[in-house]
Amino acid sequence: MIDLNGKRALVTGAGVRVGAAIATELGRRGMTVALHYHSSDAGARETAKAIEAAGGQAALFQADLSDPSAAAALARRVTADLGGLEVLVPSAANFENVALDDIDDGHWERALMLNLRAPFELARAAAPALRASRGAIVFITGFGTEVPYTGYLPYLASKGALRQVMRTLALELAPEVRVNAVAPGTVLPPEDMTAEATEALVSKAPLRKVGAASDVAEAVAYLASAPYVTGQQLLVDGGRSVAST
């Protein structure tokens, strides 16, 4: 496995939830982590404290990734400030629950921009630095790319397309850059989800439990350091995708 200690990473959406857990795990492994946030300034600062307490280093970068030019500029700015880059994890995402009849242009634009266009622009802008370091990109998709469900059509379509971007970039950037994805299942359910709804999701997974953000973070760290893995999507879903086949 590749030793991540002393290397540099950019994690988007690092001020909240899974993004914060990913950034903290990479910091725990001795990385210098660029923490991107949009509006979660306080959360990003808490993540930075956690990284520094674990022995890593952190730097904060604010950007609105709904603007494609801002996504590319973020990758270039981080690379310049850190003097290079070994790992890119585009974790920031849009996850909107919307009924089929209520889907409008705004739902599509938000999902496609943050879940598909921004990760692509980040990867393209970071590619020169990642090629130079023989680094890695780890996208965050979702188990819904394998098993669709209702109420999240724009989200699922955008994440499914991101999976194909991952597979194609694995070819485009080979052999210098490894490109993979982690596909979480039920991890950190929304705060407004009822206990009954959560239990219904849990009952569909063979492991009969909700995943932790750390499960996703450890999978990201594995793919970031696996020297002979590229073009793969690692499902971290408690077996739910298997149960649905």
Protein backbone atom coordinates (compact mmCIF):
# COMPACT_ATOMS: atom_id res chain seq x y z
CA MET A 1 0.00 0.00 0.00
CA ILE A 2 1.07 3.58 -0.64
CA ASP A 3 2.03 5.47 2.51
CA LEU A 4 -0.09 8.64 2.71
CA ASN A 5 2.01 10.21 5.45
CA GLY A 6 3.39 13.59 4.36
CA LYS A 7 1.29 13.72 1.21
CA ARG A 8 -1.35 16.29 0.24
CA ALA A 9 -5.11 15.95 -0.32
CA LEU A 10 -8.07 18.10 -1.29
CA VAL A 11 -11.46 17.11 0.14
CA THR A 12 -14.54 19.10 -0.88
CA GLY A 13 -17.50 19.47 1.44
CA ALA A 14 -15.11 18.89 4.34
CA GLY A 15 -17.06 20.93 6.86
CA VAL A 16 -19.95 18.49 7.32
CA ARG A 17 -20.93 14.85 7.61
CA VAL A 18 -19.08 12.35 5.40
CA GLY A 19 -16.74 14.96 3.92
CA ALA A 20 -15.54 15.92 7.39
CA ALA A 21 -14.98 12.25 8.28
CA ILE A 22 -12.98 11.64 5.09
CA ALA A 23 -10.79 14.68 5.67
CA THR A 24 -10.20 13.70 9.30
CA GLU A 25 -9.23 10.14 8.35
CA LEU A 26 -6.74 11.35 5.76
CA GLY A 27 -5.31 13.77 8.31
CA ARG A 28 -5.02 10.95 10.82
CA ARG A 29 -2.82 9.18 8.30
CA GLY A 30 -0.43 12.12 8.31
CA MET A 31 -1.65 14.02 5.26
CA THR A 32 -1.87 17.75 4.77
CA VAL A 33 -5.53 18.22 3.90
CA ALA A 34 -7.05 21.16 2.03
CA LEU A 35 -10.54 21.50 3.47
CA HIS A 36 -13.05 22.94 1.03
CA TYR A 37 -16.31 24.42 2.31
CA HIS A 38 -19.03 26.63 0.88
CA SER A 39 -21.03 27.94 3.83
CA SER A 40 -19.92 25.55 6.61
CA ASP A 41 -17.06 27.70 7.88
CA ALA A 42 -17.51 26.61 11.50
CA GLY A 43 -17.67 22.95 10.53
CA ALA A 44 -14.52 23.22 8.43
CA ARG A 45 -12.69 24.78 11.36
CA GLU A 46 -13.80 21.92 13.60
CA THR A 47 -12.54 19.44 11.01
CA ALA A 48 -9.21 21.28 10.92
CA LYS A 49 -8.92 21.00 14.70
CA ALA A 50 -9.64 17.27 14.54
CA ILE A 51 -6.99 16.78 11.86
CA GLU A 52 -4.37 18.71 13.78
CA ALA A 53 -5.19 16.82 16.97
CA ALA A 54 -4.64 13.58 15.06
CA GLY A 55 -1.22 14.69 13.83
CA GLY A 56 -2.09 15.96 10.36
CA GLN A 57 -2.17 19.45 8.93
CA ALA A 58 -5.11 21.37 7.49
CA ALA A 59 -5.78 24.45 5.39
CA LEU A 60 -9.19 25.98 4.64
CA PHE A 61 -10.46 26.96 1.20
CA GLN A 62 -13.88 28.50 0.49
CA ALA A 63 -15.60 28.14 -2.89
CA ASP A 64 -19.08 27.87 -4.40
CA LEU A 65 -18.86 24.72 -6.51
CA SER A 66 -22.14 25.46 -8.27
CA ASP A 67 -19.91 27.62 -10.49
CA PRO A 68 -17.80 25.37 -12.78
CA SER A 69 -15.04 27.97 -13.03
CA ALA A 70 -14.86 28.13 -9.23
CA ALA A 71 -14.36 24.36 -9.03
CA ALA A 72 -11.43 24.46 -11.45
CA ALA A 73 -9.98 27.52 -9.73
CA LEU A 74 -10.18 25.75 -6.36
CA ALA A 75 -8.10 22.82 -7.61
CA ARG A 76 -5.48 25.14 -9.08
CA ARG A 77 -5.35 27.30 -5.95
CA VAL A 78 -4.95 24.32 -3.62
CA THR A 79 -2.25 22.81 -5.82
CA ALA A 80 -0.35 26.10 -5.87
CA ASP A 81 -0.69 26.74 -2.14
CA LEU A 82 0.28 23.20 -1.11
CA GLY A 83 3.00 22.87 -3.73
CA GLY A 84 1.38 19.82 -5.31
CA LEU A 85 -1.35 17.24 -4.76
CA GLU A 86 -1.51 13.47 -4.31
CA VAL A 87 -5.19 12.82 -3.53
CA LEU A 88 -8.43 14.46 -4.67
CA VAL A 89 -11.76 13.57 -3.04
CA PRO A 90 -14.76 15.50 -4.44
CA SER A 91 -17.23 14.82 -1.62
CA ALA A 92 -19.51 17.89 -1.72
CA ALA A 93 -22.92 16.87 -3.05
CA ASN A 94 -26.53 17.83 -3.61
CA PHE A 95 -29.10 15.35 -2.21
CA GLU A 96 -32.64 16.57 -2.76
CA ASN A 97 -35.77 14.55 -2.12
CA VAL A 98 -38.34 15.46 -4.79
CA ALA A 99 -41.43 13.75 -6.18
CA LEU A 100 -41.39 12.90 -9.88
CA ASP A 101 -44.13 15.41 -10.77
CA ASP A 102 -42.32 18.20 -8.89
CA ILE A 103 -38.94 17.92 -10.63
CA ASP A 104 -38.09 21.20 -12.35
CA ASP A 105 -35.07 22.80 -14.04
CA GLY A 106 -33.68 23.90 -10.69
CA HIS A 107 -33.55 20.35 -9.35
CA TRP A 108 -31.68 19.19 -12.45
CA GLU A 109 -29.28 22.13 -12.46
CA ARG A 110 -28.35 21.76 -8.78
CA ALA A 111 -27.85 18.00 -9.01
CA LEU A 112 -25.90 18.00 -12.25
CA MET A 113 -23.73 20.96 -11.33
CA LEU A 114 -22.63 19.88 -7.84
CA ASN A 115 -22.71 16.10 -8.27
CA LEU A 116 -21.31 15.81 -11.80
CA ARG A 117 -19.86 18.96 -13.35
CA ALA A 118 -17.96 20.18 -10.26
CA PRO A 119 -16.22 16.83 -9.60
CA PHE A 120 -15.25 16.63 -13.27
CA GLU A 121 -13.86 20.19 -13.32
CA LEU A 122 -11.94 19.53 -10.11
CA ALA A 123 -10.45 16.36 -11.58
CA ARG A 124 -9.52 17.98 -14.87
CA ALA A 125 -7.87 20.97 -13.21
CA ALA A 126 -6.02 18.78 -10.69
CA ALA A 127 -4.88 16.26 -13.31
CA PRO A 128 -1.48 17.84 -14.05
CA ALA A 129 -0.49 17.82 -10.37
CA LEU A 130 -1.86 14.31 -9.85
CA ARG A 131 0.00 13.04 -12.90
CA ALA A 132 3.21 14.55 -11.54
CA SER A 133 2.73 12.86 -8.16
CA ARG A 134 1.24 9.62 -9.58
CA GLY A 135 -1.70 10.30 -7.32
CA ALA A 136 -5.33 9.28 -6.99
CA ILE A 137 -8.88 10.56 -7.35
CA VAL A 138 -11.65 9.05 -5.23
CA PHE A 139 -15.15 10.14 -6.20
CA ILE A 140 -18.17 9.67 -3.91
CA THR A 141 -21.11 8.14 -5.76
CA GLY A 142 -23.80 6.04 -4.02
CA PHE A 143 -25.26 2.56 -3.94
CA GLY A 144 -28.18 3.97 -5.94
CA THR A 145 -25.92 3.81 -8.99
CA GLU A 146 -26.44 0.04 -8.73
CA VAL A 147 -29.96 -0.12 -7.25
CA PRO A 148 -32.25 2.88 -7.93
CA TYR A 149 -34.95 4.05 -5.55
CA THR A 150 -37.74 6.60 -5.72
CA GLY A 151 -37.81 10.24 -4.70
CA TYR A 152 -34.28 11.22 -5.78
CA LEU A 153 -34.22 10.98 -9.58
CA PRO A 154 -31.92 13.96 -10.38
CA TYR A 155 -29.52 12.90 -7.62
CA LEU A 156 -29.39 9.29 -8.82
CA ALA A 157 -28.97 10.31 -12.47
CA SER A 158 -26.10 12.65 -11.61
CA LYS A 159 -24.33 10.06 -9.43
CA GLY A 160 -24.79 7.38 -12.08
CA ALA A 161 -23.16 9.69 -14.62
CA LEU A 162 -20.35 10.40 -12.14
CA ARG A 163 -19.66 6.68 -11.93
CA GLN A 164 -19.17 6.64 -15.69
CA VAL A 165 -16.93 9.73 -15.48
CA MET A 166 -14.84 7.82 -12.93
CA ARG A 167 -14.51 4.80 -15.21
CA THR A 168 -13.60 6.91 -18.21
CA LEU A 169 -11.08 9.07 -16.34
CA ALA A 170 -9.44 5.88 -15.12
CA LEU A 171 -8.60 5.28 -18.79
CA GLU A 172 -7.87 8.91 -19.68
CA LEU A 173 -5.45 9.48 -16.79
CA ALA A 174 -3.74 6.09 -16.76
CA PRO A 175 -1.10 5.06 -16.01
CA GLU A 176 -0.11 7.99 -13.82
CA VAL A 177 -3.37 8.56 -11.92
CA ARG A 178 -5.63 5.98 -10.29
CA VAL A 179 -9.34 6.88 -10.37
CA ASN A 180 -11.96 5.10 -8.26
CA ALA A 181 -15.17 5.75 -6.34
CA VAL A 182 -16.77 4.88 -3.01
CA ALA A 183 -20.52 4.26 -3.11
CA PRO A 184 -22.08 4.69 0.35
CA GLY A 185 -25.36 3.12 1.34
CA THR A 186 -27.38 4.30 4.34
CA VAL A 187 -24.77 6.37 6.17
CA LEU A 188 -25.69 9.27 8.46
CA PRO A 189 -29.42 9.45 7.60
CA PRO A 190 -30.85 12.98 7.30
CA GLU A 191 -31.59 14.56 10.67
CA ASP A 192 -35.27 14.95 9.77
CA MET A 193 -35.69 11.25 8.96
CA THR A 194 -38.03 9.48 11.37
CA ALA A 195 -36.98 6.46 13.39
CA GLU A 196 -39.51 4.39 11.45
CA ALA A 197 -38.08 5.45 8.11
CA THR A 198 -34.54 4.74 9.28
CA GLU A 199 -35.55 1.30 10.50
CA ALA A 200 -37.16 0.57 7.15
CA LEU A 201 -33.85 1.31 5.44
CA VAL A 202 -31.87 -0.73 7.95
CA SER A 203 -34.15 -3.72 7.40
CA LYS A 204 -33.18 -3.83 3.71
CA ALA A 205 -29.46 -4.29 4.41
CA PRO A 206 -28.13 -7.76 5.30
CA LEU A 207 -25.92 -6.28 8.03
CA ARG A 208 -29.03 -4.70 9.61
CA LYS A 209 -27.43 -1.43 10.66
CA VAL A 210 -26.77 2.12 9.53
CA GLY A 211 -23.23 2.75 8.34
CA ALA A 212 -20.91 5.24 9.99
CA ALA A 213 -19.15 8.08 8.21
CA SER A 214 -15.91 6.42 9.27
CA ASP A 215 -16.82 3.38 7.13
CA VAL A 216 -16.81 5.59 4.04
CA ALA A 217 -13.69 7.46 5.16
CA GLU A 218 -11.71 4.26 5.62
CA ALA A 219 -12.80 3.03 2.17
CA VAL A 220 -11.61 6.31 0.65
CA ALA A 221 -8.25 5.98 2.41
CA TYR A 222 -7.91 2.43 1.08
CA LEU A 223 -8.53 3.47 -2.53
CA ALA A 224 -6.21 6.46 -2.13
CA SER A 225 -3.40 4.11 -1.15
CA ALA A 226 -4.13 0.99 -3.26
CA PRO A 227 -1.46 0.94 -6.00
CA TYR A 228 -3.11 -1.61 -8.32
CA VAL A 229 -6.78 -0.56 -8.20
CA THR A 230 -8.33 1.80 -10.73
CA GLY A 231 -11.69 2.22 -12.45
CA GLN A 232 -13.57 0.57 -9.58
CA GLN A 233 -16.57 1.50 -7.45
CA LEU A 234 -16.40 0.19 -3.88
CA LEU A 235 -19.85 -0.25 -2.35
CA VAL A 236 -20.05 0.51 1.37
CA ASP A 237 -23.72 -0.27 1.87
CA GLY A 238 -24.07 -3.07 4.42
CA GLY A 239 -24.88 -5.45 1.57
CA ARG A 240 -28.04 -3.63 0.52
CA SER A 241 -27.16 -3.76 -3.18
CA VAL A 242 -26.67 -7.53 -2.94
CA ALA A 243 -30.05 -7.97 -1.24
CA SER A 244 -31.71 -6.04 -4.05
CA THR A 245 -30.37 -8.19 -6.89
